Amino acid sequence: MNTVKINTVKSNPNNPRLIKDDKFKKLVKSLREFPEMAKVRPIVVNQDMVVLGGNMRLKGMKEAGWKDVPIEIVDWSEDKQREFIIKDNVGFGEWEWELLANEWDAEDLEEWGLDGFPFENVADESKDLSDYLRETFEVIIECTSEREQEQVFNSMIKDGYKCRVLTL
C-alpha cells in the first residue's frame, strides 16, 4: 500500500456505480469519523492512477477534505481490470436480519449506512426490529408428519410469529 496526494488519483469515468444525496453524506461522515478504515481498504488503482475500486470513497475523501489517500496499485490486463470493477461492486451476500436485530442497535446500523429493508419500512418506531421481522417474513417449513407440523406451528406461535398451515 502507498499513500499519495489525492489529486494524483483519477476517478474512473466508466465507473458503473453512483452514490447520491443521503448515502453520500453518510459516506463522508464515515470517512471523517473513522479514517482508519481507509488504511485497511485502500483505493485500488491501475498503473495510470485511474480508480478500479473505491470511486465513491475517493469522491467522499475529496468532500471530507483529505489531502492524501491510501492506494493499492495493480498491474492487470484491461480485461482483468474490467472484471475487477464489476466484481468489486457486486454484493454477493445477504444480511442476516434477525442476527442484526438481536446483536446491533438499529439506529447505529442505519447511521453507519445499512439501508433498505427493514429500516425504511418500519412505521412504528416503538416496535422492536425483531418484532417487525416476525410480522414481515414468510417462511416455508417442510415437515415429515402432522405431529411435527403441529409442534413447529405451536413453537412459532409461541415465539410471536404469524403462522398459517398450507397442506400440499
N, C-alpha and C. Protein backbone atom coordinates (compact mmCIF):
# COMPACT_ATOMS: atom_id res chain seq x y z
N MET A 1 0.85 -1.19 0.00
CA MET A 1 0.00 0.00 0.00
C MET A 1 0.89 1.24 0.00
N ASN A 2 0.46 2.23 -0.76
CA ASN A 2 1.13 3.52 -0.84
C ASN A 2 0.17 4.62 -0.42
N THR A 3 0.72 5.76 -0.07
CA THR A 3 -0.09 6.93 0.18
C THR A 3 0.38 8.01 -0.78
N VAL A 4 -0.59 8.61 -1.49
CA VAL A 4 -0.26 9.64 -2.48
C VAL A 4 -1.17 10.84 -2.29
N LYS A 5 -0.80 11.95 -2.90
CA LYS A 5 -1.64 13.14 -2.89
C LYS A 5 -2.95 12.80 -3.60
N ILE A 6 -4.05 13.21 -3.03
CA ILE A 6 -5.36 12.82 -3.54
C ILE A 6 -5.58 13.29 -4.98
N ASN A 7 -4.98 14.43 -5.37
CA ASN A 7 -5.21 14.93 -6.72
C ASN A 7 -4.44 14.15 -7.79
N THR A 8 -3.59 13.19 -7.38
CA THR A 8 -2.91 12.35 -8.37
C THR A 8 -3.74 11.14 -8.77
N VAL A 9 -4.80 10.88 -8.03
CA VAL A 9 -5.67 9.74 -8.31
C VAL A 9 -6.84 10.23 -9.16
N LYS A 10 -7.12 9.49 -10.24
CA LYS A 10 -8.17 9.91 -11.18
C LYS A 10 -9.40 9.03 -11.03
N SER A 11 -10.55 9.66 -10.92
CA SER A 11 -11.81 8.91 -10.90
C SER A 11 -11.97 8.18 -12.22
N ASN A 12 -12.63 7.04 -12.16
CA ASN A 12 -12.85 6.25 -13.35
C ASN A 12 -14.12 6.75 -14.05
N PRO A 13 -14.00 7.26 -15.28
CA PRO A 13 -15.19 7.76 -15.97
C PRO A 13 -16.18 6.64 -16.33
N ASN A 14 -15.72 5.40 -16.31
CA ASN A 14 -16.58 4.26 -16.63
C ASN A 14 -17.06 3.51 -15.39
N ASN A 15 -17.02 4.16 -14.25
CA ASN A 15 -17.48 3.52 -13.02
C ASN A 15 -18.98 3.29 -13.10
N PRO A 16 -19.43 2.04 -12.91
CA PRO A 16 -20.85 1.73 -13.05
C PRO A 16 -21.69 2.01 -11.82
N ARG A 17 -21.09 2.52 -10.75
CA ARG A 17 -21.83 2.76 -9.51
C ARG A 17 -21.95 4.26 -9.24
N LEU A 18 -23.06 4.64 -8.62
CA LEU A 18 -23.30 6.02 -8.22
C LEU A 18 -23.61 6.06 -6.74
N ILE A 19 -23.38 7.21 -6.16
CA ILE A 19 -23.80 7.42 -4.77
C ILE A 19 -24.42 8.81 -4.73
N LYS A 20 -25.59 8.89 -4.13
CA LYS A 20 -26.33 10.15 -4.17
C LYS A 20 -26.73 10.60 -2.77
N ASP A 21 -26.92 11.88 -2.68
CA ASP A 21 -27.56 12.57 -1.57
C ASP A 21 -27.22 12.01 -0.19
N ASP A 22 -28.23 11.40 0.46
CA ASP A 22 -28.09 10.96 1.84
C ASP A 22 -27.00 9.90 2.00
N LYS A 23 -26.91 8.97 1.06
CA LYS A 23 -25.88 7.93 1.15
C LYS A 23 -24.49 8.56 1.04
N PHE A 24 -24.34 9.55 0.17
CA PHE A 24 -23.05 10.21 0.04
C PHE A 24 -22.69 10.96 1.32
N LYS A 25 -23.67 11.64 1.91
CA LYS A 25 -23.42 12.34 3.18
C LYS A 25 -22.98 11.36 4.27
N LYS A 26 -23.61 10.18 4.30
CA LYS A 26 -23.22 9.16 5.29
C LYS A 26 -21.80 8.67 5.04
N LEU A 27 -21.43 8.52 3.77
CA LEU A 27 -20.07 8.09 3.44
C LEU A 27 -19.06 9.13 3.90
N VAL A 28 -19.31 10.39 3.61
CA VAL A 28 -18.40 11.47 4.02
C VAL A 28 -18.28 11.50 5.54
N LYS A 29 -19.40 11.39 6.23
CA LYS A 29 -19.38 11.36 7.69
C LYS A 29 -18.55 10.18 8.20
N SER A 30 -18.74 9.02 7.58
CA SER A 30 -17.99 7.83 7.97
C SER A 30 -16.49 8.03 7.78
N LEU A 31 -16.11 8.63 6.67
CA LEU A 31 -14.69 8.87 6.40
C LEU A 31 -14.09 9.87 7.39
N ARG A 32 -14.88 10.83 7.82
CA ARG A 32 -14.39 11.80 8.81
C ARG A 32 -14.26 11.17 10.19
N GLU A 33 -15.23 10.34 10.55
CA GLU A 33 -15.27 9.76 11.89
C GLU A 33 -14.41 8.51 12.05
N PHE A 34 -14.13 7.81 10.95
CA PHE A 34 -13.42 6.54 11.04
C PHE A 34 -12.40 6.44 9.90
N PRO A 35 -11.43 7.37 9.84
CA PRO A 35 -10.47 7.38 8.74
C PRO A 35 -9.56 6.15 8.72
N GLU A 36 -9.42 5.47 9.84
CA GLU A 36 -8.57 4.27 9.90
C GLU A 36 -9.06 3.19 8.94
N MET A 37 -10.35 3.20 8.65
CA MET A 37 -10.91 2.19 7.77
C MET A 37 -10.27 2.26 6.37
N ALA A 38 -9.93 3.46 5.92
CA ALA A 38 -9.35 3.62 4.58
C ALA A 38 -7.98 2.97 4.47
N LYS A 39 -7.27 2.88 5.58
CA LYS A 39 -5.93 2.28 5.54
C LYS A 39 -5.99 0.77 5.30
N VAL A 40 -7.06 0.15 5.74
CA VAL A 40 -7.20 -1.30 5.53
C VAL A 40 -8.02 -1.61 4.28
N ARG A 41 -8.64 -0.58 3.69
CA ARG A 41 -9.37 -0.73 2.43
C ARG A 41 -8.93 0.39 1.49
N PRO A 42 -7.69 0.32 1.01
CA PRO A 42 -7.20 1.39 0.15
C PRO A 42 -7.95 1.44 -1.18
N ILE A 43 -7.82 2.57 -1.86
CA ILE A 43 -8.36 2.74 -3.20
C ILE A 43 -7.49 1.91 -4.14
N VAL A 44 -8.10 1.11 -5.00
CA VAL A 44 -7.36 0.28 -5.96
C VAL A 44 -7.28 1.05 -7.27
N VAL A 45 -6.04 1.25 -7.75
CA VAL A 45 -5.82 1.99 -8.99
C VAL A 45 -4.96 1.18 -9.94
N ASN A 46 -5.07 1.51 -11.24
CA ASN A 46 -4.19 0.87 -12.22
C ASN A 46 -2.90 1.67 -12.35
N GLN A 47 -2.04 1.30 -13.26
CA GLN A 47 -0.73 1.95 -13.44
C GLN A 47 -0.87 3.42 -13.84
N ASP A 48 -2.02 3.79 -14.42
CA ASP A 48 -2.27 5.18 -14.83
C ASP A 48 -2.93 6.00 -13.72
N MET A 49 -3.06 5.39 -12.53
CA MET A 49 -3.67 6.03 -11.35
C MET A 49 -5.17 6.26 -11.52
N VAL A 50 -5.81 5.46 -12.37
CA VAL A 50 -7.26 5.50 -12.54
C VAL A 50 -7.88 4.49 -11.57
N VAL A 51 -8.91 4.92 -10.86
CA VAL A 51 -9.54 4.08 -9.84
C VAL A 51 -10.26 2.89 -10.47
N LEU A 52 -9.95 1.72 -9.93
CA LEU A 52 -10.66 0.49 -10.30
C LEU A 52 -11.64 0.10 -9.20
N GLY A 53 -11.30 0.40 -7.98
CA GLY A 53 -12.14 0.08 -6.83
C GLY A 53 -12.05 1.18 -5.79
N GLY A 54 -13.18 1.82 -5.50
CA GLY A 54 -13.19 2.87 -4.48
C GLY A 54 -13.51 4.25 -5.02
N ASN A 55 -14.16 4.33 -6.18
CA ASN A 55 -14.52 5.63 -6.74
C ASN A 55 -15.35 6.48 -5.78
N MET A 56 -16.33 5.86 -5.15
CA MET A 56 -17.20 6.63 -4.24
C MET A 56 -16.45 7.06 -2.99
N ARG A 57 -15.56 6.18 -2.51
CA ARG A 57 -14.74 6.55 -1.35
C ARG A 57 -13.82 7.71 -1.71
N LEU A 58 -13.25 7.68 -2.91
CA LEU A 58 -12.38 8.78 -3.36
C LEU A 58 -13.18 10.08 -3.41
N LYS A 59 -14.37 10.03 -3.96
CA LYS A 59 -15.23 11.21 -4.03
C LYS A 59 -15.54 11.72 -2.61
N GLY A 60 -15.83 10.78 -1.71
CA GLY A 60 -16.11 11.15 -0.32
C GLY A 60 -14.89 11.73 0.39
N MET A 61 -13.73 11.16 0.11
CA MET A 61 -12.49 11.67 0.71
C MET A 61 -12.22 13.10 0.27
N LYS A 62 -12.46 13.38 -1.00
CA LYS A 62 -12.29 14.75 -1.50
C LYS A 62 -13.25 15.69 -0.79
N GLU A 63 -14.50 15.28 -0.66
CA GLU A 63 -15.51 16.10 0.02
C GLU A 63 -15.14 16.31 1.49
N ALA A 64 -14.56 15.30 2.11
CA ALA A 64 -14.17 15.38 3.53
C ALA A 64 -12.89 16.18 3.73
N GLY A 65 -12.24 16.58 2.64
CA GLY A 65 -11.05 17.42 2.74
C GLY A 65 -9.74 16.68 2.89
N TRP A 66 -9.73 15.40 2.56
CA TRP A 66 -8.49 14.64 2.66
C TRP A 66 -7.46 15.19 1.67
N LYS A 67 -6.22 15.21 2.07
CA LYS A 67 -5.11 15.66 1.20
C LYS A 67 -4.38 14.47 0.59
N ASP A 68 -4.28 13.39 1.36
CA ASP A 68 -3.59 12.18 0.92
C ASP A 68 -4.57 11.01 0.96
N VAL A 69 -4.28 10.00 0.14
CA VAL A 69 -5.18 8.86 0.06
C VAL A 69 -4.36 7.57 -0.04
N PRO A 70 -4.74 6.54 0.72
CA PRO A 70 -4.06 5.25 0.61
C PRO A 70 -4.52 4.54 -0.66
N ILE A 71 -3.56 4.00 -1.40
CA ILE A 71 -3.89 3.31 -2.65
C ILE A 71 -3.14 1.99 -2.74
N GLU A 72 -3.67 1.13 -3.55
CA GLU A 72 -3.02 -0.12 -3.94
C GLU A 72 -2.95 -0.09 -5.46
N ILE A 73 -1.75 -0.13 -6.01
CA ILE A 73 -1.56 -0.09 -7.46
C ILE A 73 -1.47 -1.51 -7.99
N VAL A 74 -2.28 -1.81 -9.02
CA VAL A 74 -2.27 -3.13 -9.64
C VAL A 74 -1.82 -3.02 -11.09
N ASP A 75 -1.19 -4.06 -11.58
CA ASP A 75 -0.74 -4.12 -12.97
C ASP A 75 -1.46 -5.28 -13.64
N TRP A 76 -2.69 -5.03 -14.06
CA TRP A 76 -3.54 -6.06 -14.64
C TRP A 76 -3.87 -5.73 -16.09
N SER A 77 -4.23 -6.76 -16.84
CA SER A 77 -4.70 -6.57 -18.21
C SER A 77 -6.00 -5.76 -18.19
N GLU A 78 -6.35 -5.20 -19.33
CA GLU A 78 -7.59 -4.44 -19.46
C GLU A 78 -8.80 -5.30 -19.08
N ASP A 79 -8.81 -6.55 -19.54
CA ASP A 79 -9.91 -7.46 -19.22
C ASP A 79 -10.02 -7.70 -17.72
N LYS A 80 -8.89 -7.92 -17.07
CA LYS A 80 -8.87 -8.17 -15.63
C LYS A 80 -9.34 -6.92 -14.88
N GLN A 81 -8.98 -5.75 -15.34
CA GLN A 81 -9.42 -4.50 -14.71
C GLN A 81 -10.94 -4.36 -14.81
N ARG A 82 -11.47 -4.63 -15.99
CA ARG A 82 -12.92 -4.52 -16.19
C ARG A 82 -13.66 -5.53 -15.30
N GLU A 83 -13.13 -6.73 -15.20
CA GLU A 83 -13.73 -7.75 -14.34
C GLU A 83 -13.72 -7.30 -12.88
N PHE A 84 -12.60 -6.75 -12.44
CA PHE A 84 -12.48 -6.29 -11.06
C PHE A 84 -13.49 -5.19 -10.75
N ILE A 85 -13.66 -4.24 -11.66
CA ILE A 85 -14.59 -3.13 -11.44
C ILE A 85 -15.98 -3.66 -11.12
N ILE A 86 -16.42 -4.65 -11.84
CA ILE A 86 -17.76 -5.21 -11.58
C ILE A 86 -17.76 -6.05 -10.31
N LYS A 87 -16.80 -6.96 -10.18
CA LYS A 87 -16.79 -7.85 -9.01
C LYS A 87 -16.62 -7.09 -7.71
N ASP A 88 -15.89 -5.99 -7.73
CA ASP A 88 -15.68 -5.18 -6.54
C ASP A 88 -16.98 -4.51 -6.09
N ASN A 89 -17.91 -4.33 -7.01
CA ASN A 89 -19.15 -3.63 -6.70
C ASN A 89 -20.35 -4.54 -6.53
N VAL A 90 -20.18 -5.83 -6.73
CA VAL A 90 -21.29 -6.77 -6.60
C VAL A 90 -21.43 -7.17 -5.14
N GLY A 91 -22.64 -7.13 -4.64
CA GLY A 91 -22.90 -7.61 -3.29
C GLY A 91 -23.24 -9.09 -3.34
N PHE A 92 -22.32 -9.94 -2.93
CA PHE A 92 -22.54 -11.37 -3.03
C PHE A 92 -23.41 -11.93 -1.91
N GLY A 93 -23.34 -11.33 -0.75
CA GLY A 93 -24.05 -11.91 0.39
C GLY A 93 -25.38 -11.25 0.64
N GLU A 94 -26.06 -11.76 1.64
CA GLU A 94 -27.32 -11.20 2.10
C GLU A 94 -27.21 -10.96 3.60
N TRP A 95 -27.94 -10.00 4.08
CA TRP A 95 -27.92 -9.70 5.50
C TRP A 95 -28.72 -10.72 6.29
N GLU A 96 -28.22 -11.08 7.46
CA GLU A 96 -28.94 -11.90 8.42
C GLU A 96 -29.71 -10.94 9.31
N TRP A 97 -30.92 -10.56 8.87
CA TRP A 97 -31.68 -9.51 9.56
C TRP A 97 -31.97 -9.85 11.01
N GLU A 98 -32.29 -11.09 11.29
CA GLU A 98 -32.60 -11.48 12.68
C GLU A 98 -31.36 -11.30 13.57
N LEU A 99 -30.20 -11.70 13.08
CA LEU A 99 -28.95 -11.52 13.83
C LEU A 99 -28.67 -10.04 14.05
N LEU A 100 -28.82 -9.24 13.00
CA LEU A 100 -28.61 -7.80 13.15
C LEU A 100 -29.57 -7.21 14.18
N ALA A 101 -30.83 -7.66 14.14
CA ALA A 101 -31.83 -7.15 15.07
C ALA A 101 -31.48 -7.48 16.51
N ASN A 102 -30.86 -8.63 16.72
CA ASN A 102 -30.56 -9.06 18.09
C ASN A 102 -29.20 -8.62 18.59
N GLU A 103 -28.27 -8.32 17.72
CA GLU A 103 -26.89 -8.05 18.13
C GLU A 103 -26.45 -6.59 17.97
N TRP A 104 -27.15 -5.82 17.17
CA TRP A 104 -26.76 -4.44 16.93
C TRP A 104 -27.94 -3.51 17.17
N ASP A 105 -27.62 -2.25 17.42
CA ASP A 105 -28.64 -1.23 17.59
C ASP A 105 -29.09 -0.75 16.21
N ALA A 106 -30.39 -0.75 15.96
CA ALA A 106 -30.93 -0.39 14.65
C ALA A 106 -30.53 1.03 14.24
N GLU A 107 -30.52 1.96 15.19
CA GLU A 107 -30.12 3.34 14.86
C GLU A 107 -28.66 3.40 14.42
N ASP A 108 -27.78 2.66 15.09
CA ASP A 108 -26.37 2.62 14.69
C ASP A 108 -26.23 2.06 13.28
N LEU A 109 -26.91 0.96 13.02
CA LEU A 109 -26.82 0.33 11.69
C LEU A 109 -27.25 1.30 10.60
N GLU A 110 -28.33 2.00 10.83
CA GLU A 110 -28.82 2.95 9.83
C GLU A 110 -27.84 4.10 9.67
N GLU A 111 -27.31 4.60 10.80
CA GLU A 111 -26.34 5.70 10.75
C GLU A 111 -25.07 5.28 10.03
N TRP A 112 -24.66 4.02 10.17
CA TRP A 112 -23.45 3.52 9.54
C TRP A 112 -23.63 3.23 8.05
N GLY A 113 -24.87 3.39 7.56
CA GLY A 113 -25.09 3.24 6.13
C GLY A 113 -25.84 2.01 5.71
N LEU A 114 -26.25 1.16 6.64
CA LEU A 114 -27.05 -0.01 6.28
C LEU A 114 -28.47 0.47 6.02
N ASP A 115 -28.86 0.43 4.76
CA ASP A 115 -30.18 0.91 4.42
C ASP A 115 -30.97 -0.17 3.71
N GLY A 116 -32.18 0.16 3.37
CA GLY A 116 -33.05 -0.83 2.75
C GLY A 116 -33.86 -1.54 3.79
N PHE A 117 -34.50 -2.60 3.40
CA PHE A 117 -35.33 -3.36 4.31
C PHE A 117 -34.53 -3.78 5.53
N PRO A 118 -35.08 -3.70 6.69
CA PRO A 118 -36.42 -3.27 7.06
C PRO A 118 -36.49 -1.83 7.55
N PHE A 119 -35.39 -1.11 7.62
CA PHE A 119 -35.39 0.19 8.27
C PHE A 119 -36.29 1.22 7.58
N GLU A 120 -36.29 1.24 6.26
CA GLU A 120 -37.09 2.23 5.54
C GLU A 120 -38.58 1.98 5.71
N ASN A 121 -38.96 0.78 6.06
CA ASN A 121 -40.38 0.43 6.11
C ASN A 121 -40.95 0.35 7.52
N VAL A 122 -40.17 0.59 8.53
CA VAL A 122 -40.66 0.49 9.90
C VAL A 122 -41.39 1.79 10.24
N ALA A 123 -42.71 1.71 10.29
CA ALA A 123 -43.51 2.90 10.54
C ALA A 123 -43.62 3.19 12.03
N ASP A 124 -43.77 2.16 12.83
CA ASP A 124 -43.95 2.31 14.27
C ASP A 124 -42.60 2.18 14.95
N GLU A 125 -42.00 3.33 15.32
CA GLU A 125 -40.66 3.31 15.90
C GLU A 125 -40.63 2.68 17.29
N SER A 126 -41.81 2.49 17.91
CA SER A 126 -41.83 1.86 19.22
C SER A 126 -41.66 0.35 19.11
N LYS A 127 -41.79 -0.19 17.90
CA LYS A 127 -41.64 -1.63 17.72
C LYS A 127 -40.17 -2.02 17.70
N ASP A 128 -39.88 -3.14 18.30
CA ASP A 128 -38.56 -3.72 18.23
C ASP A 128 -38.36 -4.28 16.82
N LEU A 129 -37.15 -4.18 16.29
CA LEU A 129 -36.89 -4.66 14.94
C LEU A 129 -37.19 -6.14 14.80
N SER A 130 -36.87 -6.95 15.81
CA SER A 130 -37.15 -8.38 15.69
C SER A 130 -38.65 -8.64 15.63
N ASP A 131 -39.47 -7.80 16.30
CA ASP A 131 -40.93 -7.93 16.19
C ASP A 131 -41.38 -7.63 14.76
N TYR A 132 -40.78 -6.62 14.17
CA TYR A 132 -41.12 -6.26 12.80
C TYR A 132 -40.78 -7.39 11.84
N LEU A 133 -39.64 -8.01 12.06
CA LEU A 133 -39.23 -9.11 11.20
C LEU A 133 -40.21 -10.27 11.31
N ARG A 134 -40.70 -10.55 12.52
CA ARG A 134 -41.66 -11.65 12.71
C ARG A 134 -42.93 -11.41 11.90
N GLU A 135 -43.30 -10.14 11.75
CA GLU A 135 -44.53 -9.81 11.03
C GLU A 135 -44.33 -9.78 9.52
N THR A 136 -43.11 -9.74 9.05
CA THR A 136 -42.83 -9.46 7.65
C THR A 136 -42.45 -10.66 6.82
N PHE A 137 -41.69 -11.58 7.35
CA PHE A 137 -41.16 -12.68 6.56
C PHE A 137 -42.13 -13.84 6.43
N GLU A 138 -42.10 -14.47 5.27
CA GLU A 138 -42.83 -15.70 5.05
C GLU A 138 -41.81 -16.83 4.96
N VAL A 139 -42.00 -17.84 5.77
CA VAL A 139 -41.06 -18.96 5.81
C VAL A 139 -41.83 -20.24 5.50
N ILE A 140 -41.25 -21.07 4.68
CA ILE A 140 -41.84 -22.37 4.37
C ILE A 140 -41.02 -23.44 5.08
N ILE A 141 -41.70 -24.24 5.88
CA ILE A 141 -41.04 -25.31 6.61
C ILE A 141 -41.70 -26.62 6.21
N GLU A 142 -40.92 -27.54 5.70
CA GLU A 142 -41.45 -28.84 5.32
C GLU A 142 -41.35 -29.79 6.51
N CYS A 143 -42.45 -30.41 6.84
CA CYS A 143 -42.49 -31.35 7.96
C CYS A 143 -42.74 -32.76 7.44
N THR A 144 -42.23 -33.74 8.17
CA THR A 144 -42.37 -35.13 7.75
C THR A 144 -43.64 -35.79 8.29
N SER A 145 -44.29 -35.13 9.26
CA SER A 145 -45.52 -35.72 9.82
C SER A 145 -46.42 -34.59 10.33
N GLU A 146 -47.68 -34.94 10.55
CA GLU A 146 -48.62 -33.96 11.10
C GLU A 146 -48.23 -33.55 12.50
N ARG A 147 -47.67 -34.48 13.25
CA ARG A 147 -47.23 -34.19 14.62
C ARG A 147 -46.11 -33.15 14.60
N GLU A 148 -45.13 -33.38 13.73
CA GLU A 148 -44.02 -32.42 13.61
C GLU A 148 -44.56 -31.06 13.16
N GLN A 149 -45.49 -31.05 12.24
CA GLN A 149 -46.09 -29.82 11.75
C GLN A 149 -46.75 -29.06 12.91
N GLU A 150 -47.48 -29.77 13.74
CA GLU A 150 -48.16 -29.16 14.87
C GLU A 150 -47.15 -28.59 15.88
N GLN A 151 -46.07 -29.32 16.13
CA GLN A 151 -45.04 -28.86 17.06
C GLN A 151 -44.37 -27.58 16.54
N VAL A 152 -44.02 -27.59 15.27
CA VAL A 152 -43.38 -26.40 14.68
C VAL A 152 -44.34 -25.22 14.71
N PHE A 153 -45.58 -25.45 14.32
CA PHE A 153 -46.59 -24.40 14.30
C PHE A 153 -46.76 -23.79 15.70
N ASN A 154 -46.91 -24.63 16.70
CA ASN A 154 -47.11 -24.14 18.07
C ASN A 154 -45.89 -23.38 18.58
N SER A 155 -44.72 -23.87 18.25
CA SER A 155 -43.49 -23.19 18.66
C SER A 155 -43.38 -21.80 18.02
N MET A 156 -43.72 -21.72 16.75
CA MET A 156 -43.65 -20.44 16.05
C MET A 156 -44.66 -19.44 16.64
N ILE A 157 -45.86 -19.91 16.90
CA ILE A 157 -46.89 -19.05 17.50
C ILE A 157 -46.42 -18.55 18.86
N LYS A 158 -45.85 -19.47 19.66
CA LYS A 158 -45.35 -19.12 20.99
C LYS A 158 -44.27 -18.03 20.91
N ASP A 159 -43.44 -18.08 19.87
CA ASP A 159 -42.38 -17.10 19.70
C ASP A 159 -42.85 -15.79 19.06
N GLY A 160 -44.14 -15.71 18.77
CA GLY A 160 -44.70 -14.46 18.28
C GLY A 160 -44.80 -14.33 16.77
N TYR A 161 -44.58 -15.39 16.06
CA TYR A 161 -44.70 -15.34 14.60
C TYR A 161 -46.14 -15.54 14.18
N LYS A 162 -46.54 -14.86 13.11
CA LYS A 162 -47.83 -15.11 12.49
C LYS A 162 -47.67 -16.33 11.61
N CYS A 163 -48.54 -17.30 11.77
CA CYS A 163 -48.38 -18.57 11.04
C CYS A 163 -49.67 -18.98 10.36
N ARG A 164 -49.48 -19.74 9.30
CA ARG A 164 -50.59 -20.39 8.63
C ARG A 164 -50.07 -21.71 8.10
N VAL A 165 -50.94 -22.68 8.01
CA VAL A 165 -50.55 -24.01 7.56
C VAL A 165 -51.10 -24.22 6.16
N LEU A 166 -50.24 -24.63 5.26
CA LEU A 166 -50.64 -25.00 3.91
C LEU A 166 -50.38 -26.48 3.73
N THR A 167 -51.36 -27.18 3.29
CA THR A 167 -51.17 -28.61 3.04
C THR A 167 -50.93 -28.82 1.55
N LEU A 168 -49.87 -29.50 1.24
CA LEU A 168 -49.52 -29.72 -0.17
C LEU A 168 -49.94 -31.09 -0.63
